[in-house]
C-alpha atoms as a PDB file:
ATOM      1  CA  MET A   1      10.729   3.608 -27.672  1.00  0.00           C
ATOM      2  CA  GLY A   2      12.399   2.516 -30.837  1.00  0.00           C
ATOM      3  CA  THR A   3      10.911   0.324 -33.518  1.00  0.00           C
ATOM      4  CA  ASP A   4      12.618  -2.699 -31.982  1.00  0.00           C
ATOM      5  CA  TYR A   5      10.503  -2.511 -28.805  1.00  0.00           C
ATOM      6  CA  ILE A   6       9.237  -5.917 -27.733  1.00  0.00           C
ATOM      7  CA  PRO A   7       6.450  -5.825 -25.124  1.00  0.00           C
ATOM      8  CA  ASN A   8       7.228  -7.738 -21.966  1.00  0.00           C
ATOM      9  CA  ASP A   9       4.200  -8.907 -20.018  1.00  0.00           C
ATOM     10  CA  SER A  10       6.208 -10.692 -17.311  1.00  0.00           C
ATOM     11  CA  TYR A  11       5.294  -7.963 -14.827  1.00  0.00           C
ATOM     12  CA  LYS A  12       1.697  -9.217 -14.802  1.00  0.00           C
ATOM     13  CA  LYS A  13       2.446 -12.428 -12.893  1.00  0.00           C
ATOM     14  CA  ASP A  14       4.476 -10.606 -10.213  1.00  0.00           C
ATOM     15  CA  MET A  15       1.879  -7.848  -9.968  1.00  0.00           C
ATOM     16  CA  GLY A  16      -0.852 -10.475  -9.610  1.00  0.00           C
ATOM     17  CA  ASN A  17       1.060 -12.051  -6.718  1.00  0.00           C
ATOM     18  CA  ARG A  18       1.381  -8.650  -5.012  1.00  0.00           C
ATOM     19  CA  LEU A  19      -2.334  -7.984  -5.491  1.00  0.00           C
ATOM     20  CA  ARG A  20      -3.188 -11.403  -4.036  1.00  0.00           C
ATOM     21  CA  LYS A  21      -0.980 -10.701  -1.003  1.00  0.00           C
ATOM     22  CA  TYR A  22      -2.640  -7.375  -0.205  1.00  0.00           C
ATOM     23  CA  ARG A  23      -6.134  -8.651  -0.952  1.00  0.00           C
ATOM     24  CA  LYS A  24      -5.623 -11.487   1.538  1.00  0.00           C
ATOM     25  CA  GLN A  25      -4.117  -9.136   4.117  1.00  0.00           C
ATOM     26  CA  GLU A  26      -7.366  -7.172   3.978  1.00  0.00           C
ATOM     27  CA  ASN A  27      -9.385 -10.406   4.245  1.00  0.00           C
ATOM     28  CA  LEU A  28     -11.027  -9.791   0.894  1.00  0.00           C
ATOM     29  CA  THR A  29     -12.155 -12.525  -1.467  1.00  0.00           C
ATOM     30  CA  GLN A  30     -11.533 -12.398  -5.194  1.00  0.00           C
ATOM     31  CA  GLU A  31     -15.273 -11.882  -5.562  1.00  0.00           C
ATOM     32  CA  LYS A  32     -15.174  -8.806  -3.310  1.00  0.00           C
ATOM     33  CA  MET A  33     -12.131  -7.362  -5.125  1.00  0.00           C
ATOM     34  CA  ALA A  34     -13.872  -7.881  -8.450  1.00  0.00           C
ATOM     35  CA  GLU A  35     -16.894  -6.044  -7.074  1.00  0.00           C
ATOM     36  CA  ILE A  36     -14.736  -3.195  -5.715  1.00  0.00           C
ATOM     37  CA  LEU A  37     -12.978  -2.843  -9.086  1.00  0.00           C
ATOM     38  CA  ASP A  38     -16.216  -3.280 -11.048  1.00  0.00           C
ATOM     39  CA  VAL A  39     -14.846  -6.195 -13.085  1.00  0.00           C
ATOM     40  CA  THR A  40     -15.985  -9.789 -13.403  1.00  0.00           C
ATOM     41  CA  ILE A  41     -14.657 -12.424 -11.015  1.00  0.00           C
ATOM     42  CA  LYS A  42     -13.093 -14.217 -14.004  1.00  0.00           C
ATOM     43  CA  HIS A  43     -11.293 -11.013 -15.014  1.00  0.00           C
ATOM     44  CA  TYR A  44      -9.935 -10.383 -11.524  1.00  0.00           C
ATOM     45  CA  SER A  45      -8.875 -14.019 -11.157  1.00  0.00           C
ATOM     46  CA  GLU A  46      -6.933 -13.725 -14.406  1.00  0.00           C
ATOM     47  CA  VAL A  47      -5.274 -10.541 -13.132  1.00  0.00           C
ATOM     48  CA  GLU A  48      -4.029 -12.324 -10.001  1.00  0.00           C
ATOM     49  CA  ARG A  49      -2.769 -15.232 -12.112  1.00  0.00           C
ATOM     50  CA  GLY A  50      -0.859 -12.832 -14.362  1.00  0.00           C
ATOM     51  CA  ILE A  51      -2.808 -13.660 -17.499  1.00  0.00           C
ATOM     52  CA  ILE A  52      -4.112 -10.140 -18.070  1.00  0.00           C
ATOM     53  CA  GLY A  53      -3.422  -6.695 -16.683  1.00  0.00           C
ATOM     54  CA  LEU A  54      -5.557  -3.847 -15.429  1.00  0.00           C
ATOM     55  CA  SER A  55      -6.330  -0.435 -16.856  1.00  0.00           C
ATOM     56  CA  VAL A  56      -4.403   2.558 -15.588  1.00  0.00           C
ATOM     57  CA  GLN A  57      -7.593   3.761 -13.903  1.00  0.00           C
ATOM     58  CA  LYS A  58      -7.948   0.472 -11.979  1.00  0.00           C
ATOM     59  CA  LEU A  59      -4.243   0.489 -11.041  1.00  0.00           C
ATOM     60  CA  LEU A  60      -4.556   4.020  -9.665  1.00  0.00           C
ATOM     61  CA  PHE A  61      -7.601   2.969  -7.670  1.00  0.00           C
ATOM     62  CA  ILE A  62      -5.773  -0.054  -6.202  1.00  0.00           C
ATOM     63  CA  SER A  63      -2.744   2.101  -5.429  1.00  0.00           C
ATOM     64  CA  ASN A  64      -4.929   4.428  -3.384  1.00  0.00           C
ATOM     65  CA  TYR A  65      -7.071   1.659  -1.895  1.00  0.00           C
ATOM     66  CA  PHE A  66      -4.118  -0.290  -0.477  1.00  0.00           C
ATOM     67  CA  GLY A  67      -1.805   2.699  -0.036  1.00  0.00           C
ATOM     68  CA  LEU A  68       0.805   1.291  -2.427  1.00  0.00           C
ATOM     69  CA  SER A  69       2.954   3.086  -4.969  1.00  0.00           C
ATOM     70  CA  LEU A  70       2.486   2.288  -8.635  1.00  0.00           C
ATOM     71  CA  ASP A  71       6.202   1.422  -8.796  1.00  0.00           C
ATOM     72  CA  TYR A  72       5.599  -1.261  -6.200  1.00  0.00           C
ATOM     73  CA  LEU A  73       2.432  -2.562  -7.829  1.00  0.00           C
ATOM     74  CA  LEU A  74       3.899  -2.765 -11.321  1.00  0.00           C
ATOM     75  CA  LYS A  75       7.586  -3.429 -10.694  1.00  0.00           C
ATOM     76  CA  GLY A  76       7.888  -4.530  -7.079  1.00  0.00           C
ATOM     77  CA  GLU A  77      10.182  -1.594  -6.369  1.00  0.00           C
ATOM     78  CA  THR A  78       9.828   0.328  -3.164  1.00  0.00           C
ATOM     79  CA  ASN A  79      10.766   3.930  -2.547  1.00  0.00           C
ATOM     80  CA  ASP A  80      11.634   4.884   1.007  1.00  0.00           C
ATOM     81  CA  ASN A  81      10.455   8.435   0.302  1.00  0.00           C
ATOM     82  CA  TYR A  82       6.971   7.278  -0.685  1.00  0.00           C
ATOM     83  CA  LEU A  83       4.263   8.081   1.833  1.00  0.00           C
ATOM     84  CA  PRO A  84       1.340   5.664   1.902  1.00  0.00           C
ATOM     85  CA  PHE A  85      -1.818   7.241   0.524  1.00  0.00           C
ATOM     86  CA  PRO A  86      -3.857   6.797   3.748  1.00  0.00           C
ATOM     87  CA  LEU A  87      -1.227   8.799   5.652  1.00  0.00           C
ATOM     88  CA  VAL A  88      -1.233  11.579   3.048  1.00  0.00           C
ATOM     89  CA  GLN A  89      -5.034  11.530   2.936  1.00  0.00           C
ATOM     90  CA  THR A  90      -5.244  11.821   6.733  1.00  0.00           C
ATOM     91  CA  TYR A  91      -2.833  14.757   6.758  1.00  0.00           C
ATOM     92  CA  LEU A  92      -4.615  16.577   3.940  1.00  0.00           C
ATOM     93  CA  SER A  93      -8.052  16.046   5.471  1.00  0.00           C
ATOM     94  CA  CYS A  94      -6.869  17.368   8.831  1.00  0.00           C
ATOM     95  CA  PRO A  95      -7.799  21.027   9.453  1.00  0.00           C
ATOM     96  CA  LYS A  96      -4.732  23.196   8.824  1.00  0.00           C
ATOM     97  CA  GLU A  97      -4.726  24.545  12.370  1.00  0.00           C
ATOM     98  CA  LYS A  98      -4.531  20.971  13.744  1.00  0.00           C
ATOM     99  CA  ARG A  99      -1.882  19.538  11.401  1.00  0.00           C
ATOM    100  CA  GLN A 100       0.832  20.484  13.870  1.00  0.00           C
ATOM    101  CA  TYR A 101      -0.714  18.071  16.398  1.00  0.00           C
ATOM    102  CA  LEU A 102      -0.772  15.259  13.847  1.00  0.00           C
ATOM    103  CA  LEU A 103       2.890  15.858  12.986  1.00  0.00           C
ATOM    104  CA  ARG A 104       3.791  15.936  16.699  1.00  0.00           C
ATOM    105  CA  LEU A 105       1.968  12.632  17.202  1.00  0.00           C
ATOM    106  CA  LEU A 106       3.888  11.054  14.316  1.00  0.00           C
ATOM    107  CA  LYS A 107       7.189  12.312  15.764  1.00  0.00           C
ATOM    108  CA  ASP A 108       6.272  10.834  19.161  1.00  0.00           C
ATOM    109  CA  ILE A 109       5.408   7.503  17.522  1.00  0.00           C
ATOM    110  CA  ASP A 110       8.750   7.580  15.703  1.00  0.00           C
ATOM    111  CA  LYS A 111      10.529   8.126  19.035  1.00  0.00           C
ATOM    112  CA  LEU A 112       8.690   5.167  20.567  1.00  0.00           C
ATOM    113  CA  ILE A 113       9.542   2.919  17.627  1.00  0.00           C
ATOM    114  CA  HIS A 114      13.221   3.836  17.682  1.00  0.00           C
ATOM    115  CA  CYS A 115      13.692   3.949  21.450  1.00  0.00           C
ATOM    116  CA  ASP A 116      16.624   1.640  22.333  1.00  0.00           C
ATOM    117  CA  SER A 117      15.525   1.208  25.962  1.00  0.00           C
ATOM    118  CA  THR A 118      12.449  -0.787  24.912  1.00  0.00           C
ATOM    119  CA  ALA A 119      14.211  -2.926  22.311  1.00  0.00           C
ATOM    120  CA  ASP A 120      14.081  -5.966  24.596  1.00  0.00           C
ATOM    121  CA  GLY A 121      10.360  -5.548  25.277  1.00  0.00           C
ATOM    122  CA  ASP A 122      10.656  -3.698  28.610  1.00  0.00           C
ATOM    123  CA  VAL A 123       8.203  -0.947  29.387  1.00  0.00           C
ATOM    124  CA  PRO A 124       9.853   2.502  29.589  1.00  0.00           C
ATOM    125  CA  ALA A 125      10.472   3.816  33.126  1.00  0.00           C
ATOM    126  CA  ASP A 126       8.105   6.760  32.699  1.00  0.00           C
ATOM    127  CA  SER A 127       5.192   4.494  31.771  1.00  0.00           C
ATOM    128  CA  ASP A 128       1.909   4.470  33.686  1.00  0.00           C
ATOM    129  CA  ASN A 129       2.006   0.662  33.863  1.00  0.00           C
ATOM    130  CA  ASP A 130       3.790   0.525  37.262  1.00  0.00           C
END
């Protein structure tokens, strides 16, 4: 940064909107989020309204809690290569000898999601729902 750096706090309002969205998706109140983050309700309310920001420590916690990248939280930018934290955490907590089964399951889910024959809502022919 040069000496002509001018701080831009405009990210706070957008970040607050993203936090509100994910808090509501999890059916959490502002009071509960404040408790989770160990801040006052007033402080958390001001974060969601974009008046103030959060410490790096709190942002890292929220990133892990909601499984969001910091780029998304702070800038609204998504990275297709980013793996949500809960998925990474599940893989890492899986015993090494069983990780192959988890990866196979994910590949099978990917096949189901991208299967063209069920695009119109039909059940696949090999289904047990006959």
